[in-house]
Amino acid sequence: MALTSKDIPLASSEAAALDFETTGETTENPNAPWQIGVVILQGGKVDLSRSFHSLLRVPRDYVFNPYTPGRWARLREELEAAPTLQELWPTLRPLLQGRPLVAHNVSTERGILSREFPLQPFGPWLDTLTLARAAFPGQKDFKLENLVPSLGFLPVLQARCPGLNAHDAFYDAVACATLLEHLLSAPGWRELSIAQLAAIRPRRSSSRR
């Protein structure tokens, strides 16, 4: 039987780690993205030379949820002049299509892409939140910003994303990719196919993203 792309070990293939920072939902406005970060993993390794990040247009009168994390409050002028996702599509398409997409709690990223580009195919999707829960059941907190220091990735992230912190889309995309890179280097994980990784479920639920 011929192998499909989903049967190929991810460590021998490519994937794109993706993160959106969003406005948060309010009574005035739905949740909308204000920043995007993407980085490619090649052969199970983070390839920073193949990455992209950008602010995304948010009108000046668009109301953010005041509890939304990140540095959006001091970027309102830049956000008003930033490109839209639709305008960035020619750049994003070769990064996001034709390979698995990876995110930490994929519902946000998958939902935004489905809404913005309803006729475009995306995926398969891999969720590092689910994978981390399966790989590290002893962890008490699976939020990406807390997994990074808990698993000892902080020096790596500081070197890969100097000057950036959690809740920056590029930082979080690289953090997500670094987490997957670590998992794929572990015994028994490197041989797992894309389909096998997508089918992994934790033995028990833990804290949210």
N, C-alpha and C. Protein backbone atom coordinates (compact mmCIF):
# COMPACT_ATOMS: atom_id res chain seq x y z
N MET A 1 0.84 -1.19 0.00
CA MET A 1 0.00 0.00 0.00
C MET A 1 0.88 1.25 0.00
N ALA A 2 0.55 2.21 -0.83
CA ALA A 2 1.34 3.43 -0.93
C ALA A 2 1.13 4.30 0.31
N LEU A 3 2.21 4.93 0.75
CA LEU A 3 2.13 5.83 1.89
C LEU A 3 1.50 7.16 1.48
N THR A 4 0.70 7.70 2.36
CA THR A 4 0.19 9.05 2.15
C THR A 4 1.04 10.01 2.96
N SER A 5 0.83 11.32 2.76
CA SER A 5 1.62 12.30 3.49
C SER A 5 1.43 12.17 4.99
N LYS A 6 0.24 11.73 5.43
CA LYS A 6 -0.02 11.60 6.85
C LYS A 6 0.70 10.41 7.47
N ASP A 7 1.18 9.47 6.62
CA ASP A 7 1.90 8.30 7.12
C ASP A 7 3.38 8.56 7.31
N ILE A 8 3.86 9.69 6.81
CA ILE A 8 5.28 10.01 6.88
C ILE A 8 5.62 10.53 8.27
N PRO A 9 6.71 10.08 8.88
CA PRO A 9 7.10 10.65 10.18
C PRO A 9 7.26 12.17 10.08
N LEU A 10 6.71 12.88 11.03
CA LEU A 10 6.82 14.34 10.99
C LEU A 10 8.27 14.78 11.07
N ALA A 11 9.10 14.01 11.77
CA ALA A 11 10.51 14.35 11.89
C ALA A 11 11.25 14.26 10.57
N SER A 12 10.62 13.66 9.57
CA SER A 12 11.21 13.58 8.24
C SER A 12 10.50 14.49 7.25
N SER A 13 9.63 15.32 7.76
CA SER A 13 8.81 16.16 6.90
C SER A 13 8.90 17.61 7.36
N GLU A 14 7.92 18.40 6.97
CA GLU A 14 7.85 19.81 7.35
C GLU A 14 6.54 20.08 8.08
N ALA A 15 6.55 21.11 8.90
CA ALA A 15 5.34 21.59 9.54
C ALA A 15 5.50 23.09 9.74
N ALA A 16 4.38 23.77 9.91
CA ALA A 16 4.39 25.21 10.18
C ALA A 16 3.72 25.47 11.52
N ALA A 17 4.47 26.06 12.45
CA ALA A 17 3.91 26.46 13.74
C ALA A 17 3.34 27.87 13.59
N LEU A 18 2.14 28.05 14.10
CA LEU A 18 1.37 29.27 13.86
C LEU A 18 0.82 29.81 15.17
N ASP A 19 0.84 31.14 15.32
CA ASP A 19 0.18 31.76 16.46
C ASP A 19 -0.47 33.06 16.04
N PHE A 20 -1.66 33.30 16.54
CA PHE A 20 -2.34 34.59 16.42
C PHE A 20 -2.48 35.19 17.81
N GLU A 21 -2.20 36.47 17.92
CA GLU A 21 -2.62 37.22 19.08
C GLU A 21 -3.92 37.93 18.71
N THR A 22 -4.87 37.92 19.63
CA THR A 22 -6.21 38.40 19.29
C THR A 22 -6.71 39.47 20.26
N THR A 23 -7.75 40.15 19.82
CA THR A 23 -8.30 41.27 20.58
C THR A 23 -9.10 40.85 21.79
N GLY A 24 -9.55 39.60 21.80
CA GLY A 24 -10.49 39.17 22.81
C GLY A 24 -11.90 39.63 22.44
N GLU A 25 -12.87 38.90 22.89
CA GLU A 25 -14.27 39.22 22.56
C GLU A 25 -14.82 40.25 23.53
N THR A 26 -15.62 41.18 23.02
CA THR A 26 -16.30 42.16 23.86
C THR A 26 -17.76 42.24 23.43
N THR A 27 -18.55 42.99 24.16
CA THR A 27 -19.94 43.17 23.76
C THR A 27 -20.05 43.97 22.47
N GLU A 28 -19.02 44.77 22.17
CA GLU A 28 -19.04 45.59 20.96
C GLU A 28 -18.49 44.85 19.74
N ASN A 29 -17.49 43.99 19.93
CA ASN A 29 -16.79 43.38 18.80
C ASN A 29 -16.45 41.93 19.06
N PRO A 30 -16.44 41.11 17.99
CA PRO A 30 -15.98 39.72 18.13
C PRO A 30 -14.46 39.66 18.26
N ASN A 31 -13.97 38.50 18.63
CA ASN A 31 -12.54 38.27 18.72
C ASN A 31 -11.91 38.37 17.33
N ALA A 32 -10.81 39.11 17.22
CA ALA A 32 -10.16 39.32 15.93
C ALA A 32 -8.64 39.28 16.11
N PRO A 33 -7.89 38.85 15.10
CA PRO A 33 -6.44 38.78 15.24
C PRO A 33 -5.78 40.15 15.06
N TRP A 34 -4.74 40.41 15.86
CA TRP A 34 -4.00 41.65 15.67
C TRP A 34 -2.51 41.40 15.38
N GLN A 35 -2.09 40.14 15.45
CA GLN A 35 -0.70 39.80 15.13
C GLN A 35 -0.63 38.34 14.73
N ILE A 36 0.27 38.02 13.79
CA ILE A 36 0.49 36.65 13.35
C ILE A 36 1.98 36.33 13.40
N GLY A 37 2.30 35.10 13.77
CA GLY A 37 3.66 34.59 13.72
C GLY A 37 3.65 33.19 13.15
N VAL A 38 4.59 32.90 12.27
CA VAL A 38 4.71 31.57 11.64
C VAL A 38 6.18 31.20 11.59
N VAL A 39 6.49 29.94 11.88
CA VAL A 39 7.86 29.44 11.71
C VAL A 39 7.78 27.99 11.23
N ILE A 40 8.69 27.62 10.34
CA ILE A 40 8.71 26.28 9.75
C ILE A 40 9.62 25.36 10.56
N LEU A 41 9.18 24.12 10.73
CA LEU A 41 10.04 23.04 11.21
C LEU A 41 10.39 22.17 10.03
N GLN A 42 11.67 21.92 9.84
CA GLN A 42 12.16 21.07 8.75
C GLN A 42 12.93 19.91 9.38
N GLY A 43 12.49 18.69 9.10
CA GLY A 43 13.16 17.53 9.67
C GLY A 43 13.15 17.52 11.18
N GLY A 44 12.09 18.06 11.76
CA GLY A 44 11.96 18.09 13.21
C GLY A 44 12.72 19.19 13.90
N LYS A 45 13.31 20.11 13.14
CA LYS A 45 14.10 21.20 13.69
C LYS A 45 13.51 22.55 13.29
N VAL A 46 13.56 23.49 14.21
CA VAL A 46 13.06 24.84 13.94
C VAL A 46 13.99 25.53 12.95
N ASP A 47 13.41 26.09 11.90
CA ASP A 47 14.17 26.80 10.86
C ASP A 47 13.75 28.27 10.88
N LEU A 48 14.49 29.07 11.64
CA LEU A 48 14.14 30.48 11.77
C LEU A 48 14.30 31.26 10.47
N SER A 49 15.07 30.72 9.53
CA SER A 49 15.22 31.40 8.25
C SER A 49 13.95 31.35 7.43
N ARG A 50 13.04 30.49 7.82
CA ARG A 50 11.75 30.36 7.14
C ARG A 50 10.65 30.71 8.13
N SER A 51 10.53 31.96 8.38
CA SER A 51 9.55 32.44 9.36
C SER A 51 8.95 33.75 8.87
N PHE A 52 7.86 34.11 9.51
CA PHE A 52 7.18 35.35 9.13
C PHE A 52 6.39 35.84 10.33
N HIS A 53 6.35 37.16 10.50
CA HIS A 53 5.48 37.74 11.52
C HIS A 53 5.09 39.13 11.10
N SER A 54 3.91 39.53 11.53
CA SER A 54 3.39 40.85 11.15
C SER A 54 2.29 41.26 12.11
N LEU A 55 2.20 42.56 12.34
CA LEU A 55 0.99 43.10 12.94
C LEU A 55 -0.13 43.00 11.92
N LEU A 56 -1.37 43.01 12.41
CA LEU A 56 -2.55 42.92 11.55
C LEU A 56 -3.46 44.10 11.82
N ARG A 57 -4.11 44.56 10.77
CA ARG A 57 -4.91 45.77 10.87
C ARG A 57 -6.09 45.62 11.84
N VAL A 58 -6.18 46.57 12.74
CA VAL A 58 -7.31 46.70 13.65
C VAL A 58 -7.69 48.17 13.67
N PRO A 59 -8.92 48.52 13.29
CA PRO A 59 -9.32 49.93 13.28
C PRO A 59 -9.15 50.58 14.65
N ARG A 60 -8.90 51.87 14.65
CA ARG A 60 -8.65 52.59 15.90
C ARG A 60 -9.84 52.49 16.86
N ASP A 61 -11.07 52.42 16.30
CA ASP A 61 -12.25 52.38 17.16
C ASP A 61 -12.67 50.96 17.56
N TYR A 62 -11.88 49.96 17.16
CA TYR A 62 -12.19 48.57 17.52
C TYR A 62 -11.86 48.35 18.99
N VAL A 63 -12.81 47.85 19.75
CA VAL A 63 -12.64 47.72 21.20
C VAL A 63 -11.98 46.38 21.53
N PHE A 64 -10.83 46.44 22.19
CA PHE A 64 -10.16 45.25 22.71
C PHE A 64 -10.75 44.89 24.07
N ASN A 65 -10.77 43.61 24.36
CA ASN A 65 -11.07 43.20 25.73
C ASN A 65 -9.92 43.70 26.62
N PRO A 66 -10.20 44.45 27.66
CA PRO A 66 -9.12 45.04 28.47
C PRO A 66 -8.24 44.00 29.15
N TYR A 67 -8.71 42.75 29.26
CA TYR A 67 -7.91 41.70 29.89
C TYR A 67 -7.05 40.94 28.89
N THR A 68 -7.11 41.34 27.63
CA THR A 68 -6.30 40.68 26.61
C THR A 68 -4.82 40.92 26.88
N PRO A 69 -4.01 39.85 26.94
CA PRO A 69 -2.58 40.05 27.20
C PRO A 69 -1.85 40.56 25.96
N GLY A 70 -0.61 40.96 26.16
CA GLY A 70 0.20 41.43 25.04
C GLY A 70 0.36 42.94 25.05
N ARG A 71 1.11 43.44 24.04
CA ARG A 71 1.47 44.86 24.02
C ARG A 71 0.61 45.68 23.07
N TRP A 72 -0.60 45.21 22.81
CA TRP A 72 -1.48 45.85 21.83
C TRP A 72 -1.81 47.30 22.18
N ALA A 73 -1.91 47.62 23.49
CA ALA A 73 -2.39 48.95 23.88
C ALA A 73 -1.47 50.05 23.39
N ARG A 74 -0.17 49.78 23.31
CA ARG A 74 0.76 50.82 22.84
C ARG A 74 1.04 50.73 21.35
N LEU A 75 0.28 49.87 20.65
CA LEU A 75 0.50 49.68 19.22
C LEU A 75 -0.71 50.09 18.39
N ARG A 76 -1.66 50.80 18.95
CA ARG A 76 -2.90 51.06 18.23
C ARG A 76 -2.67 51.83 16.93
N GLU A 77 -1.73 52.77 16.92
CA GLU A 77 -1.45 53.51 15.69
C GLU A 77 -0.88 52.59 14.63
N GLU A 78 0.08 51.72 15.02
CA GLU A 78 0.66 50.77 14.07
C GLU A 78 -0.37 49.75 13.58
N LEU A 79 -1.25 49.33 14.49
CA LEU A 79 -2.27 48.36 14.10
C LEU A 79 -3.25 48.94 13.09
N GLU A 80 -3.54 50.21 13.23
CA GLU A 80 -4.46 50.86 12.30
C GLU A 80 -3.89 50.88 10.88
N ALA A 81 -2.56 50.92 10.77
CA ALA A 81 -1.91 50.99 9.45
C ALA A 81 -1.39 49.65 8.96
N ALA A 82 -1.54 48.60 9.76
CA ALA A 82 -0.99 47.29 9.41
C ALA A 82 -1.80 46.63 8.30
N PRO A 83 -1.23 45.63 7.61
CA PRO A 83 -1.97 44.92 6.56
C PRO A 83 -3.02 43.99 7.15
N THR A 84 -3.99 43.63 6.35
CA THR A 84 -4.97 42.62 6.74
C THR A 84 -4.44 41.23 6.39
N LEU A 85 -5.08 40.22 6.94
CA LEU A 85 -4.71 38.84 6.59
C LEU A 85 -4.91 38.60 5.09
N GLN A 86 -5.98 39.15 4.55
CA GLN A 86 -6.24 38.97 3.12
C GLN A 86 -5.10 39.57 2.29
N GLU A 87 -4.60 40.71 2.70
CA GLU A 87 -3.49 41.34 1.96
C GLU A 87 -2.20 40.54 2.11
N LEU A 88 -2.06 39.81 3.21
CA LEU A 88 -0.85 39.01 3.44
C LEU A 88 -0.93 37.62 2.82
N TRP A 89 -2.08 37.27 2.26
CA TRP A 89 -2.27 35.91 1.77
C TRP A 89 -1.20 35.45 0.78
N PRO A 90 -0.77 36.26 -0.17
CA PRO A 90 0.29 35.78 -1.08
C PRO A 90 1.57 35.37 -0.35
N THR A 91 1.86 36.01 0.77
CA THR A 91 3.03 35.63 1.57
C THR A 91 2.74 34.42 2.45
N LEU A 92 1.53 34.37 2.99
CA LEU A 92 1.18 33.30 3.93
C LEU A 92 0.91 31.97 3.24
N ARG A 93 0.36 32.02 2.05
CA ARG A 93 -0.06 30.78 1.39
C ARG A 93 1.05 29.74 1.28
N PRO A 94 2.26 30.08 0.79
CA PRO A 94 3.29 29.04 0.70
C PRO A 94 3.79 28.55 2.05
N LEU A 95 3.55 29.29 3.11
CA LEU A 95 3.95 28.86 4.44
C LEU A 95 2.90 27.96 5.09
N LEU A 96 1.63 28.24 4.84
CA LEU A 96 0.56 27.58 5.58
C LEU A 96 -0.10 26.43 4.84
N GLN A 97 0.08 26.33 3.55
CA GLN A 97 -0.58 25.25 2.81
C GLN A 97 0.42 24.19 2.39
N GLY A 98 -0.08 22.96 2.30
CA GLY A 98 0.75 21.86 1.84
C GLY A 98 1.59 21.22 2.91
N ARG A 99 1.35 21.55 4.18
CA ARG A 99 2.09 20.95 5.28
C ARG A 99 1.22 20.98 6.53
N PRO A 100 1.50 20.13 7.52
CA PRO A 100 0.74 20.18 8.77
C PRO A 100 0.91 21.54 9.45
N LEU A 101 -0.13 21.98 10.13
CA LEU A 101 -0.10 23.21 10.91
C LEU A 101 -0.10 22.85 12.39
N VAL A 102 0.70 23.57 13.14
CA VAL A 102 0.90 23.29 14.56
C VAL A 102 0.55 24.54 15.35
N ALA A 103 -0.20 24.38 16.43
CA ALA A 103 -0.51 25.51 17.31
C ALA A 103 -0.71 24.97 18.71
N HIS A 104 -0.63 25.86 19.69
CA HIS A 104 -0.85 25.48 21.08
C HIS A 104 -2.29 25.84 21.41
N ASN A 105 -3.14 24.83 21.40
CA ASN A 105 -4.60 24.98 21.46
C ASN A 105 -5.07 25.49 20.10
N VAL A 106 -5.25 24.55 19.18
CA VAL A 106 -5.44 24.90 17.77
C VAL A 106 -6.76 25.60 17.48
N SER A 107 -7.69 25.59 18.41
CA SER A 107 -9.02 26.11 18.09
C SER A 107 -8.98 27.57 17.66
N THR A 108 -8.12 28.37 18.29
CA THR A 108 -8.03 29.78 17.92
C THR A 108 -7.49 29.94 16.51
N GLU A 109 -6.35 29.34 16.24
CA GLU A 109 -5.71 29.50 14.92
C GLU A 109 -6.55 28.87 13.82
N ARG A 110 -7.08 27.69 14.06
CA ARG A 110 -7.91 27.03 13.05
C ARG A 110 -9.18 27.85 12.77
N GLY A 111 -9.78 28.40 13.83
CA GLY A 111 -10.99 29.18 13.66
C GLY A 111 -10.76 30.45 12.86
N ILE A 112 -9.65 31.14 13.11
CA ILE A 112 -9.36 32.37 12.38
C ILE A 112 -9.10 32.07 10.91
N LEU A 113 -8.29 31.05 10.62
CA LEU A 113 -8.02 30.73 9.22
C LEU A 113 -9.28 30.29 8.49
N SER A 114 -10.13 29.51 9.16
CA SER A 114 -11.37 29.06 8.53
C SER A 114 -12.30 30.23 8.24
N ARG A 115 -12.32 31.21 9.13
CA ARG A 115 -13.19 32.37 8.93
C ARG A 115 -12.65 33.29 7.85
N GLU A 116 -11.34 33.51 7.84
CA GLU A 116 -10.74 34.44 6.89
C GLU A 116 -10.60 33.85 5.50
N PHE A 117 -10.37 32.54 5.42
CA PHE A 117 -10.13 31.90 4.13
C PHE A 117 -10.97 30.63 4.02
N PRO A 118 -12.30 30.78 3.96
CA PRO A 118 -13.19 29.61 4.05
C PRO A 118 -13.06 28.62 2.91
N LEU A 119 -12.54 29.04 1.78
CA LEU A 119 -12.42 28.14 0.63
C LEU A 119 -11.04 27.51 0.50
N GLN A 120 -10.15 27.84 1.42
CA GLN A 120 -8.78 27.33 1.34
C GLN A 120 -8.62 26.10 2.24
N PRO A 121 -7.89 25.08 1.77
CA PRO A 121 -7.64 23.90 2.61
C PRO A 121 -6.45 24.14 3.55
N PHE A 122 -6.60 23.72 4.79
CA PHE A 122 -5.54 23.81 5.78
C PHE A 122 -5.46 22.50 6.55
N GLY A 123 -4.26 22.20 7.04
CA GLY A 123 -4.09 21.03 7.88
C GLY A 123 -3.49 19.86 7.12
N PRO A 124 -3.30 18.75 7.82
CA PRO A 124 -3.82 18.42 9.15
C PRO A 124 -3.23 19.30 10.25
N TRP A 125 -3.95 19.32 11.38
CA TRP A 125 -3.55 20.14 12.51
C TRP A 125 -2.96 19.28 13.62
N LEU A 126 -1.92 19.81 14.26
CA LEU A 126 -1.34 19.18 15.44
C LEU A 126 -1.40 20.19 16.58
N ASP A 127 -1.83 19.74 17.73
CA ASP A 127 -2.02 20.61 18.88
C ASP A 127 -0.96 20.31 19.93
N THR A 128 -0.02 21.24 20.15
CA THR A 128 1.03 21.00 21.14
C THR A 128 0.49 21.02 22.56
N LEU A 129 -0.68 21.63 22.78
CA LEU A 129 -1.30 21.54 24.10
C LEU A 129 -1.67 20.10 24.40
N THR A 130 -2.30 19.44 23.45
CA THR A 130 -2.67 18.03 23.61
C THR A 130 -1.43 17.16 23.73
N LEU A 131 -0.44 17.41 22.88
CA LEU A 131 0.78 16.60 22.91
C LEU A 131 1.54 16.77 24.22
N ALA A 132 1.59 18.00 24.73
CA ALA A 132 2.28 18.25 26.00
C ALA A 132 1.57 17.55 27.15
N ARG A 133 0.26 17.56 27.14
CA ARG A 133 -0.49 16.88 28.19
C ARG A 133 -0.21 15.37 28.17
N ALA A 134 -0.05 14.81 26.98
CA ALA A 134 0.25 13.39 26.87
C ALA A 134 1.69 13.08 27.27
N ALA A 135 2.62 13.98 26.89
CA ALA A 135 4.04 13.72 27.11
C ALA A 135 4.49 14.04 28.54
N PHE A 136 3.85 15.04 29.16
CA PHE A 136 4.28 15.49 30.48
C PHE A 136 3.09 15.51 31.45
N PRO A 137 2.55 14.34 31.78
CA PRO A 137 1.34 14.31 32.61
C PRO A 137 1.56 14.87 34.02
N GLY A 138 2.81 14.97 34.44
CA GLY A 138 3.09 15.51 35.77
C GLY A 138 3.07 17.02 35.86
N GLN A 139 3.02 17.69 34.72
CA GLN A 139 2.98 19.15 34.72
C GLN A 139 1.66 19.64 35.32
N LYS A 140 1.75 20.73 36.06
CA LYS A 140 0.55 21.30 36.67
C LYS A 140 -0.11 22.35 35.80
N ASP A 141 0.67 22.95 34.89
CA ASP A 141 0.15 24.06 34.08
C ASP A 141 0.64 23.88 32.66
N PHE A 142 -0.29 23.88 31.71
CA PHE A 142 0.07 23.64 30.32
C PHE A 142 -0.06 24.89 29.45
N LYS A 143 -0.22 26.04 30.09
CA LYS A 143 -0.15 27.27 29.31
C LYS A 143 1.25 27.38 28.71
N LEU A 144 1.32 27.80 27.46
CA LEU A 144 2.60 27.85 26.77
C LEU A 144 3.61 28.71 27.51
N GLU A 145 3.16 29.85 28.03
CA GLU A 145 4.06 30.77 28.72
C GLU A 145 4.65 30.16 29.98
N ASN A 146 3.99 29.15 30.55
CA ASN A 146 4.49 28.49 31.75
C ASN A 146 5.23 27.19 31.44
N LEU A 147 4.88 26.55 30.33
CA LEU A 147 5.62 25.36 29.91
C LEU A 147 7.06 25.70 29.54
N VAL A 148 7.25 26.85 28.89
CA VAL A 148 8.59 27.22 28.41
C VAL A 148 9.61 27.23 29.54
N PRO A 149 9.38 27.96 30.65
CA PRO A 149 10.37 27.90 31.73
C PRO A 149 10.37 26.57 32.47
N SER A 150 9.20 25.96 32.62
CA SER A 150 9.11 24.71 33.36
C SER A 150 9.92 23.60 32.70
N LEU A 151 9.94 23.58 31.38
CA LEU A 151 10.67 22.55 30.64
C LEU A 151 12.09 22.98 30.29
N GLY A 152 12.50 24.16 30.74
CA GLY A 152 13.87 24.59 30.53
C GLY A 152 14.15 25.19 29.17
N PHE A 153 13.10 25.67 28.49
CA PHE A 153 13.28 26.21 27.13
C PHE A 153 13.57 27.71 27.11
N LEU A 154 13.51 28.37 28.26
CA LEU A 154 13.61 29.82 28.26
C LEU A 154 14.90 30.33 27.62
N PRO A 155 16.07 29.77 27.92
CA PRO A 155 17.30 30.26 27.24
C PRO A 155 17.23 30.09 25.72
N VAL A 156 16.63 29.00 25.28
CA VAL A 156 16.50 28.77 23.83
C VAL A 156 15.61 29.83 23.21
N LEU A 157 14.48 30.12 23.86
CA LEU A 157 13.55 31.12 23.33
C LEU A 157 14.17 32.52 23.37
N GLN A 158 14.93 32.82 24.40
CA GLN A 158 15.59 34.12 24.47
C GLN A 158 16.60 34.29 23.36
N ALA A 159 17.27 33.19 22.99
CA ALA A 159 18.24 33.26 21.89
C ALA A 159 17.54 33.33 20.54
N ARG A 160 16.44 32.64 20.41
CA ARG A 160 15.73 32.61 19.13
C ARG A 160 14.85 33.84 18.92
N CYS A 161 14.39 34.44 19.99
CA CYS A 161 13.49 35.60 19.90
C CYS A 161 13.97 36.71 20.83
N PRO A 162 15.15 37.24 20.60
CA PRO A 162 15.68 38.25 21.53
C PRO A 162 14.77 39.46 21.64
N GLY A 163 14.54 39.87 22.89
CA GLY A 163 13.72 41.05 23.13
C GLY A 163 12.23 40.80 23.14
N LEU A 164 11.79 39.58 22.82
CA LEU A 164 10.36 39.27 22.79
C LEU A 164 9.97 38.42 23.99
N ASN A 165 8.68 38.38 24.24
CA ASN A 165 8.16 37.63 25.38
C ASN A 165 6.86 36.93 24.99
N ALA A 166 6.33 36.17 25.93
CA ALA A 166 5.05 35.49 25.72
C ALA A 166 3.97 36.50 25.34
N HIS A 167 3.04 36.03 24.53
CA HIS A 167 1.93 36.82 24.00
C HIS A 167 2.38 37.79 22.91
N ASP A 168 3.56 37.56 22.37
CA ASP A 168 3.94 38.08 21.06
C ASP A 168 3.77 36.91 20.10
N ALA A 169 3.13 37.13 18.97
CA ALA A 169 2.78 36.02 18.08
C ALA A 169 4.00 35.28 17.56
N PHE A 170 5.07 36.00 17.22
CA PHE A 170 6.26 35.31 16.74
C PHE A 170 6.91 34.51 17.87
N TYR A 171 7.02 35.09 19.05
CA TYR A 171 7.58 34.38 20.19
C TYR A 171 6.78 33.11 20.47
N ASP A 172 5.47 33.22 20.49
CA ASP A 172 4.64 32.05 20.81
C ASP A 172 4.69 31.00 19.71
N ALA A 173 4.79 31.42 18.44
CA ALA A 173 4.95 30.45 17.36
C ALA A 173 6.26 29.70 17.50
N VAL A 174 7.33 30.42 17.82
CA VAL A 174 8.63 29.77 18.01
C VAL A 174 8.62 28.89 19.25
N ALA A 175 7.95 29.33 20.31
CA ALA A 175 7.82 28.51 21.51
C ALA A 175 7.08 27.21 21.20
N CYS A 176 6.01 27.31 20.45
CA CYS A 176 5.24 26.13 20.04
C CYS A 176 6.12 25.20 19.21
N ALA A 177 6.86 25.76 18.26
CA ALA A 177 7.74 24.96 17.41
C ALA A 177 8.87 24.33 18.22
N THR A 178 9.39 25.07 19.19
CA THR A 178 10.46 24.54 20.05
C THR A 178 9.96 23.39 20.90
N LEU A 179 8.73 23.50 21.40
CA LEU A 179 8.13 22.40 22.15
C LEU A 179 8.00 21.16 21.28
N LEU A 180 7.51 21.32 20.06
CA LEU A 180 7.39 20.17 19.17
C LEU A 180 8.76 19.62 18.79
N GLU A 181 9.72 20.48 18.56
CA GLU A 181 11.09 20.05 18.28
C GLU A 181 11.61 19.16 19.41
N HIS A 182 11.36 19.57 20.65
CA HIS A 182 11.80 18.79 21.81
C HIS A 182 11.09 17.43 21.84
N LEU A 183 9.80 17.43 21.60
CA LEU A 183 9.06 16.17 21.62
C LEU A 183 9.58 15.21 20.55
N LEU A 184 9.84 15.73 19.36
CA LEU A 184 10.29 14.86 18.27
C LEU A 184 11.69 14.32 18.47
N SER A 185 12.43 14.88 19.42
CA SER A 185 13.76 14.36 19.72
C SER A 185 13.74 13.27 20.79
N ALA A 186 12.57 13.06 21.40
CA ALA A 186 12.45 12.09 22.49
C ALA A 186 12.31 10.67 21.94
N PRO A 187 12.80 9.67 22.66
CA PRO A 187 12.66 8.28 22.22
C PRO A 187 11.20 7.92 21.96
N GLY A 188 10.97 7.30 20.82
CA GLY A 188 9.62 6.87 20.47
C GLY A 188 8.79 7.91 19.75
N TRP A 189 9.20 9.17 19.82
CA TRP A 189 8.43 10.22 19.17
C TRP A 189 8.90 10.50 17.75
N ARG A 190 10.18 10.37 17.53
CA ARG A 190 10.72 10.75 16.22
C ARG A 190 10.13 9.91 15.09
N GLU A 191 9.75 8.67 15.40
CA GLU A 191 9.22 7.78 14.37
C GLU A 191 7.73 7.97 14.13
N LEU A 192 7.07 8.77 14.95
CA LEU A 192 5.62 8.89 14.83
C LEU A 192 5.23 9.66 13.57
N SER A 193 4.23 9.14 12.90
CA SER A 193 3.74 9.80 11.69
C SER A 193 2.86 10.98 12.06
N ILE A 194 2.56 11.79 11.08
CA ILE A 194 1.67 12.92 11.28
C ILE A 194 0.32 12.44 11.80
N ALA A 195 -0.20 11.37 11.20
CA ALA A 195 -1.49 10.83 11.63
C ALA A 195 -1.43 10.33 13.06
N GLN A 196 -0.34 9.66 13.42
CA GLN A 196 -0.20 9.16 14.79
C GLN A 196 -0.12 10.30 15.80
N LEU A 197 0.60 11.33 15.46
CA LEU A 197 0.69 12.49 16.36
C LEU A 197 -0.67 13.16 16.52
N ALA A 198 -1.40 13.28 15.42
CA ALA A 198 -2.72 13.91 15.47
C ALA A 198 -3.71 13.09 16.30
N ALA A 199 -3.46 11.79 16.43
CA ALA A 199 -4.38 10.92 17.16
C ALA A 199 -4.06 10.83 18.65
N ILE A 200 -2.94 11.36 19.08
CA ILE A 200 -2.54 11.27 20.49
C ILE A 200 -3.53 12.03 21.37
N ARG A 201 -3.89 11.41 22.47
CA ARG A 201 -4.75 12.06 23.46
C ARG A 201 -4.14 11.87 24.84
N PRO A 202 -4.24 12.87 25.70
CA PRO A 202 -3.70 12.72 27.06
C PRO A 202 -4.50 11.73 27.86
N ARG A 203 -3.86 11.16 28.86
CA ARG A 203 -4.55 10.19 29.71
C ARG A 203 -5.52 10.86 30.67
N ARG A 204 -5.27 12.14 30.97
CA ARG A 204 -6.17 12.87 31.84
C ARG A 204 -6.11 14.34 31.49
N SER A 205 -7.16 15.06 31.75
CA SER A 205 -7.20 16.48 31.44
C SER A 205 -6.43 17.26 32.49
N SER A 206 -5.92 18.45 32.08
CA SER A 206 -5.18 19.32 32.98
C SER A 206 -5.63 20.75 32.76
N SER A 207 -4.85 21.70 33.26
CA SER A 207 -5.26 23.10 33.15
C SER A 207 -5.29 23.54 31.71
N ARG A 208 -6.03 24.59 31.44
CA ARG A 208 -6.22 25.08 30.09
C ARG A 208 -4.99 25.80 29.59
N ARG A 209 -5.09 26.23 28.32
CA ARG A 209 -4.01 26.97 27.68
C ARG A 209 -3.63 28.19 28.50
